Amino acid sequence: MNRHYYISDNLDELERLEDELEARGIHTEQIHVLSERDAEVERHRHLHQVPSILKRDLVHSGSIGSLIGLALAVLVLLLAWLNDWAATPAGWIPFVFLAVVLIGFSIWEGSLFGAQQPSDTFRRFAERLREGKHLFFVDVSQAQEPILSQVVAHHPRLEQAGTGAASPEWALGLQHQWNRFRRMM
């Protein structure tokens, strides 16, 4: 799957675009709008906003924290093994416990750091968002690429802003099924 980014200053046009894409078979879960003007986006109730948690760099920084924690855990276990520190009645338990605590603490710290940073994915659009523009992006499969091209061609005011890696197709499918289930309830 590919992610296509577009910039616009007109939320009404983005709402029409989302309606047209959904009418042609692209699911709501594949379409998002990112803006620094959340209140304006909320007034367009059909626009699908980026969840707040995804606007921050939690996942990326948490992943880095987990790698650091894993390295620290391996270091603790390696030092305990090399120095024969586990040859006590307590054995490996304190060292394994310390290793687990180091991993958890590093993930937590990485996530806290990420909560203070804008998402790495959207950082390149920060200046345009500060100007009052809105970022519209769509995750499409190879089969949906022509549909997106045809619909976007009817919106000449959209500024193409690039492409990138999309959410995995299985994750979008799960989210779509969950939302269908919720609507049935």
C-alpha atoms as a PDB file:
ATOM      1  CA  MET A   1       0.000   0.000   0.000  1.00  0.00           C
ATOM      2  CA  ASN A   2       1.019   3.580  -0.639  1.00  0.00           C
ATOM      3  CA  ARG A   3       0.154   6.781   1.173  1.00  0.00           C
ATOM      4  CA  HIS A   4      -0.552   9.888  -0.917  1.00  0.00           C
ATOM      5  CA  TYR A   5      -0.329  13.323   0.721  1.00  0.00           C
ATOM      6  CA  TYR A   6      -2.173  16.443  -0.427  1.00  0.00           C
ATOM      7  CA  ILE A   7      -2.231  20.003   0.915  1.00  0.00           C
ATOM      8  CA  SER A   8      -5.305  22.223   0.850  1.00  0.00           C
ATOM      9  CA  ASP A   9      -6.638  25.325   2.558  1.00  0.00           C
ATOM     10  CA  ASN A  10     -10.298  24.435   1.930  1.00  0.00           C
ATOM     11  CA  LEU A  11     -11.956  21.957   4.301  1.00  0.00           C
ATOM     12  CA  ASP A  12     -15.187  21.962   2.285  1.00  0.00           C
ATOM     13  CA  GLU A  13     -13.285  20.691  -0.743  1.00  0.00           C
ATOM     14  CA  LEU A  14     -11.559  18.036   1.377  1.00  0.00           C
ATOM     15  CA  GLU A  15     -14.937  16.893   2.669  1.00  0.00           C
ATOM     16  CA  ARG A  16     -16.241  16.554  -0.919  1.00  0.00           C
ATOM     17  CA  LEU A  17     -13.067  14.685  -1.841  1.00  0.00           C
ATOM     18  CA  GLU A  18     -13.519  12.250   1.043  1.00  0.00           C
ATOM     19  CA  ASP A  19     -17.166  11.687   0.045  1.00  0.00           C
ATOM     20  CA  GLU A  20     -16.154  10.961  -3.554  1.00  0.00           C
ATOM     21  CA  LEU A  21     -13.393   8.558  -2.520  1.00  0.00           C
ATOM     22  CA  GLU A  22     -15.731   6.659  -0.204  1.00  0.00           C
ATOM     23  CA  ALA A  23     -18.391   6.482  -2.929  1.00  0.00           C
ATOM     24  CA  ARG A  24     -15.769   4.847  -5.177  1.00  0.00           C
ATOM     25  CA  GLY A  25     -14.855   2.165  -2.610  1.00  0.00           C
ATOM     26  CA  ILE A  26     -12.034   3.648  -0.546  1.00  0.00           C
ATOM     27  CA  HIS A  27     -12.903   3.127   3.131  1.00  0.00           C
ATOM     28  CA  THR A  28     -13.023   5.908   5.709  1.00  0.00           C
ATOM     29  CA  GLU A  29     -10.198   4.227   7.646  1.00  0.00           C
ATOM     30  CA  GLN A  30      -7.880   4.847   4.685  1.00  0.00           C
ATOM     31  CA  ILE A  31      -8.512   8.612   4.652  1.00  0.00           C
ATOM     32  CA  HIS A  32      -7.273  11.193   7.184  1.00  0.00           C
ATOM     33  CA  VAL A  33      -6.996  14.934   7.631  1.00  0.00           C
ATOM     34  CA  LEU A  34      -4.297  16.539   9.762  1.00  0.00           C
ATOM     35  CA  SER A  35      -4.580  20.172  10.723  1.00  0.00           C
ATOM     36  CA  GLU A  36      -3.522  22.520  13.471  1.00  0.00           C
ATOM     37  CA  ARG A  37      -7.076  23.891  13.343  1.00  0.00           C
ATOM     38  CA  ASP A  38      -8.817  20.939  14.979  1.00  0.00           C
ATOM     39  CA  ALA A  39     -11.957  22.919  15.826  1.00  0.00           C
ATOM     40  CA  GLU A  40     -12.522  23.769  12.158  1.00  0.00           C
ATOM     41  CA  VAL A  41     -12.019  20.146  11.134  1.00  0.00           C
ATOM     42  CA  GLU A  42     -14.495  19.003  13.805  1.00  0.00           C
ATOM     43  CA  ARG A  43     -17.181  21.236  12.286  1.00  0.00           C
ATOM     44  CA  HIS A  44     -16.869  19.122   9.128  1.00  0.00           C
ATOM     45  CA  ARG A  45     -18.209  16.020  10.767  1.00  0.00           C
ATOM     46  CA  HIS A  46     -17.574  13.778   7.782  1.00  0.00           C
ATOM     47  CA  LEU A  47     -13.819  14.437   7.739  1.00  0.00           C
ATOM     48  CA  HIS A  48     -11.777  11.701   9.395  1.00  0.00           C
ATOM     49  CA  GLN A  49      -9.202  13.355  11.683  1.00  0.00           C
ATOM     50  CA  VAL A  50      -5.856  11.889  12.658  1.00  0.00           C
ATOM     51  CA  PRO A  51      -6.145  10.593  16.245  1.00  0.00           C
ATOM     52  CA  SER A  52      -4.262  12.753  18.742  1.00  0.00           C
ATOM     53  CA  ILE A  53      -1.938   9.931  19.755  1.00  0.00           C
ATOM     54  CA  LEU A  54      -0.715   9.573  16.157  1.00  0.00           C
ATOM     55  CA  LYS A  55       0.143  13.270  15.954  1.00  0.00           C
ATOM     56  CA  ARG A  56       2.917  12.668  18.482  1.00  0.00           C
ATOM     57  CA  ASP A  57       6.053  10.555  18.078  1.00  0.00           C
ATOM     58  CA  LEU A  58       5.126   7.988  20.760  1.00  0.00           C
ATOM     59  CA  VAL A  59       5.526   4.824  18.715  1.00  0.00           C
ATOM     60  CA  HIS A  60       8.787   5.779  17.014  1.00  0.00           C
ATOM     61  CA  SER A  61      10.432   7.031  20.215  1.00  0.00           C
ATOM     62  CA  GLY A  62       9.055   4.094  22.202  1.00  0.00           C
ATOM     63  CA  SER A  63      10.646   1.736  19.670  1.00  0.00           C
ATOM     64  CA  ILE A  64      13.995   3.449  20.071  1.00  0.00           C
ATOM     65  CA  GLY A  65      13.576   3.230  23.852  1.00  0.00           C
ATOM     66  CA  SER A  66      12.869  -0.500  23.589  1.00  0.00           C
ATOM     67  CA  LEU A  67      16.088  -1.038  21.621  1.00  0.00           C
ATOM     68  CA  ILE A  68      18.074   0.902  24.227  1.00  0.00           C
ATOM     69  CA  GLY A  69      16.379  -1.079  27.013  1.00  0.00           C
ATOM     70  CA  LEU A  70      17.136  -4.356  25.263  1.00  0.00           C
ATOM     71  CA  ALA A  71      20.794  -3.382  24.925  1.00  0.00           C
ATOM     72  CA  LEU A  72      20.948  -2.461  28.628  1.00  0.00           C
ATOM     73  CA  ALA A  73      19.237  -5.731  29.598  1.00  0.00           C
ATOM     74  CA  VAL A  74      21.722  -7.762  27.552  1.00  0.00           C
ATOM     75  CA  LEU A  75      24.574  -5.816  29.156  1.00  0.00           C
ATOM     76  CA  VAL A  76      23.296  -6.570  32.683  1.00  0.00           C
ATOM     77  CA  LEU A  77      22.844 -10.273  31.914  1.00  0.00           C
ATOM     78  CA  LEU A  78      26.228 -10.462  30.189  1.00  0.00           C
ATOM     79  CA  LEU A  79      27.993  -8.792  33.136  1.00  0.00           C
ATOM     80  CA  ALA A  80      26.258 -11.143  35.583  1.00  0.00           C
ATOM     81  CA  TRP A  81      27.330 -14.156  33.526  1.00  0.00           C
ATOM     82  CA  LEU A  82      30.925 -12.982  32.934  1.00  0.00           C
ATOM     83  CA  ASN A  83      31.496 -12.067  36.586  1.00  0.00           C
ATOM     84  CA  ASP A  84      29.679 -15.124  37.905  1.00  0.00           C
ATOM     85  CA  TRP A  85      27.375 -12.912  39.994  1.00  0.00           C
ATOM     86  CA  ALA A  86      24.508 -15.380  39.644  1.00  0.00           C
ATOM     87  CA  ALA A  87      26.386 -17.980  41.694  1.00  0.00           C
ATOM     88  CA  THR A  88      24.534 -16.905  44.822  1.00  0.00           C
ATOM     89  CA  PRO A  89      21.455 -18.435  46.448  1.00  0.00           C
ATOM     90  CA  ALA A  90      19.304 -15.831  44.617  1.00  0.00           C
ATOM     91  CA  GLY A  91      20.681 -17.021  41.275  1.00  0.00           C
ATOM     92  CA  TRP A  92      19.581 -15.251  38.110  1.00  0.00           C
ATOM     93  CA  ILE A  93      16.338 -13.827  39.504  1.00  0.00           C
ATOM     94  CA  PRO A  94      17.648 -10.353  40.475  1.00  0.00           C
ATOM     95  CA  PHE A  95      19.462  -9.924  37.168  1.00  0.00           C
ATOM     96  CA  VAL A  96      16.525 -11.036  35.036  1.00  0.00           C
ATOM     97  CA  PHE A  97      14.268  -8.764  37.087  1.00  0.00           C
ATOM     98  CA  LEU A  98      16.664  -5.835  36.585  1.00  0.00           C
ATOM     99  CA  ALA A  99      16.806  -6.578  32.845  1.00  0.00           C
ATOM    100  CA  VAL A 100      13.002  -6.520  32.578  1.00  0.00           C
ATOM    101  CA  VAL A 101      12.822  -3.283  34.590  1.00  0.00           C
ATOM    102  CA  LEU A 102      15.437  -1.662  32.317  1.00  0.00           C
ATOM    103  CA  ILE A 103      13.475  -2.610  29.200  1.00  0.00           C
ATOM    104  CA  GLY A 104      10.193  -1.294  30.646  1.00  0.00           C
ATOM    105  CA  PHE A 105      11.768   1.914  31.925  1.00  0.00           C
ATOM    106  CA  SER A 106      13.460   2.599  28.584  1.00  0.00           C
ATOM    107  CA  ILE A 107      10.212   2.101  26.649  1.00  0.00           C
ATOM    108  CA  TRP A 108       8.422   4.418  29.086  1.00  0.00           C
ATOM    109  CA  GLU A 109      11.099   7.112  28.856  1.00  0.00           C
ATOM    110  CA  GLY A 110      11.237   6.856  25.060  1.00  0.00           C
ATOM    111  CA  SER A 111       7.462   7.241  24.865  1.00  0.00           C
ATOM    112  CA  LEU A 112       7.498  10.230  27.225  1.00  0.00           C
ATOM    113  CA  PHE A 113      10.118  11.869  25.041  1.00  0.00           C
ATOM    114  CA  GLY A 114       8.028  11.074  21.944  1.00  0.00           C
ATOM    115  CA  ALA A 115       4.906  12.597  23.509  1.00  0.00           C
ATOM    116  CA  GLN A 116       6.706  15.959  23.410  1.00  0.00           C
ATOM    117  CA  GLN A 117       7.704  15.675  19.743  1.00  0.00           C
ATOM    118  CA  PRO A 118       5.568  15.917  16.612  1.00  0.00           C
ATOM    119  CA  SER A 119       5.252  12.668  14.707  1.00  0.00           C
ATOM    120  CA  ASP A 120       8.239  11.877  12.547  1.00  0.00           C
ATOM    121  CA  THR A 121       5.815  11.019   9.727  1.00  0.00           C
ATOM    122  CA  PHE A 122       4.268  14.509   9.663  1.00  0.00           C
ATOM    123  CA  ARG A 123       7.276  16.615  10.616  1.00  0.00           C
ATOM    124  CA  ARG A 124       8.014  17.517   6.993  1.00  0.00           C
ATOM    125  CA  PHE A 125       4.586  19.186   6.729  1.00  0.00           C
ATOM    126  CA  ALA A 126       4.881  21.225   9.951  1.00  0.00           C
ATOM    127  CA  GLU A 127       5.556  24.547   8.225  1.00  0.00           C
ATOM    128  CA  ARG A 128       2.569  24.204   5.875  1.00  0.00           C
ATOM    129  CA  LEU A 129       0.320  23.263   8.805  1.00  0.00           C
ATOM    130  CA  ARG A 130       1.484  26.354  10.730  1.00  0.00           C
ATOM    131  CA  GLU A 131       0.466  28.437   7.689  1.00  0.00           C
ATOM    132  CA  GLY A 132      -3.107  27.243   8.226  1.00  0.00           C
ATOM    133  CA  LYS A 133      -3.108  24.569   5.531  1.00  0.00           C
ATOM    134  CA  HIS A 134      -4.546  21.084   6.000  1.00  0.00           C
ATOM    135  CA  LEU A 135      -2.867  17.787   5.181  1.00  0.00           C
ATOM    136  CA  PHE A 136      -5.114  15.224   3.510  1.00  0.00           C
ATOM    137  CA  PHE A 137      -3.709  11.743   3.074  1.00  0.00           C
ATOM    138  CA  VAL A 138      -5.013   8.491   1.693  1.00  0.00           C
ATOM    139  CA  ASP A 139      -3.655   4.944   2.033  1.00  0.00           C
ATOM    140  CA  VAL A 140      -4.430   2.991  -1.124  1.00  0.00           C
ATOM    141  CA  SER A 141      -3.664  -0.445  -2.485  1.00  0.00           C
ATOM    142  CA  GLN A 142      -2.211  -0.879  -5.958  1.00  0.00           C
ATOM    143  CA  ALA A 143      -5.709  -1.648  -7.295  1.00  0.00           C
ATOM    144  CA  GLN A 144      -7.087   1.599  -5.812  1.00  0.00           C
ATOM    145  CA  GLU A 145      -4.402   3.868  -7.310  1.00  0.00           C
ATOM    146  CA  PRO A 146      -6.427   4.601 -10.515  1.00  0.00           C
ATOM    147  CA  ILE A 147      -9.515   5.472  -8.446  1.00  0.00           C
ATOM    148  CA  LEU A 148      -7.527   7.967  -6.384  1.00  0.00           C
ATOM    149  CA  SER A 149      -5.989   9.517  -9.512  1.00  0.00           C
ATOM    150  CA  GLN A 150      -9.390   9.920 -11.191  1.00  0.00           C
ATOM    151  CA  VAL A 151     -11.033  11.505  -8.159  1.00  0.00           C
ATOM    152  CA  VAL A 152      -8.119  13.823  -7.355  1.00  0.00           C
ATOM    153  CA  ALA A 153      -8.070  15.029 -10.973  1.00  0.00           C
ATOM    154  CA  HIS A 154     -11.461  16.699 -10.299  1.00  0.00           C
ATOM    155  CA  HIS A 155      -9.921  18.794  -7.520  1.00  0.00           C
ATOM    156  CA  PRO A 156      -7.344  21.076  -9.169  1.00  0.00           C
ATOM    157  CA  ARG A 157      -6.876  23.200  -6.030  1.00  0.00           C
ATOM    158  CA  LEU A 158      -5.274  20.254  -4.218  1.00  0.00           C
ATOM    159  CA  GLU A 159      -1.518  20.459  -4.016  1.00  0.00           C
ATOM    160  CA  GLN A 160       0.225  17.115  -4.264  1.00  0.00           C
ATOM    161  CA  ALA A 161       2.675  16.837  -1.356  1.00  0.00           C
ATOM    162  CA  GLY A 162       4.289  13.446  -1.950  1.00  0.00           C
ATOM    163  CA  THR A 163       3.950   9.806  -1.079  1.00  0.00           C
ATOM    164  CA  GLY A 164       5.100   7.561   1.725  1.00  0.00           C
ATOM    165  CA  ALA A 165       4.651   4.269   3.498  1.00  0.00           C
ATOM    166  CA  ALA A 166       1.057   3.444   4.367  1.00  0.00           C
ATOM    167  CA  SER A 167      -0.498   1.622   7.280  1.00  0.00           C
ATOM    168  CA  PRO A 168      -0.411  -2.149   6.729  1.00  0.00           C
ATOM    169  CA  GLU A 169      -3.411  -3.462   4.812  1.00  0.00           C
ATOM    170  CA  TRP A 170      -4.231  -5.941   7.575  1.00  0.00           C
ATOM    171  CA  ALA A 171      -4.363  -3.120  10.158  1.00  0.00           C
ATOM    172  CA  LEU A 172      -6.712  -1.058   7.989  1.00  0.00           C
ATOM    173  CA  GLY A 173      -8.875  -4.144   7.442  1.00  0.00           C
ATOM    174  CA  LEU A 174      -9.118  -4.791  11.184  1.00  0.00           C
ATOM    175  CA  GLN A 175      -9.995  -1.165  11.845  1.00  0.00           C
ATOM    176  CA  HIS A 176     -12.670  -1.263   9.120  1.00  0.00           C
ATOM    177  CA  GLN A 177     -14.216  -4.444  10.541  1.00  0.00           C
ATOM    178  CA  TRP A 178     -14.163  -3.006  14.073  1.00  0.00           C
ATOM    179  CA  ASN A 179     -15.916   0.179  12.945  1.00  0.00           C
ATOM    180  CA  ARG A 180     -18.561  -1.860  11.066  1.00  0.00           C
ATOM    181  CA  PHE A 181     -19.140  -3.928  14.215  1.00  0.00           C
ATOM    182  CA  ARG A 182     -19.494  -0.780  16.351  1.00  0.00           C
ATOM    183  CA  ARG A 183     -22.055   0.719  13.950  1.00  0.00           C
ATOM    184  CA  MET A 184     -24.128  -2.486  14.174  1.00  0.00           C
ATOM    185  CA  MET A 185     -24.262  -2.284  17.978  1.00  0.00           C
END
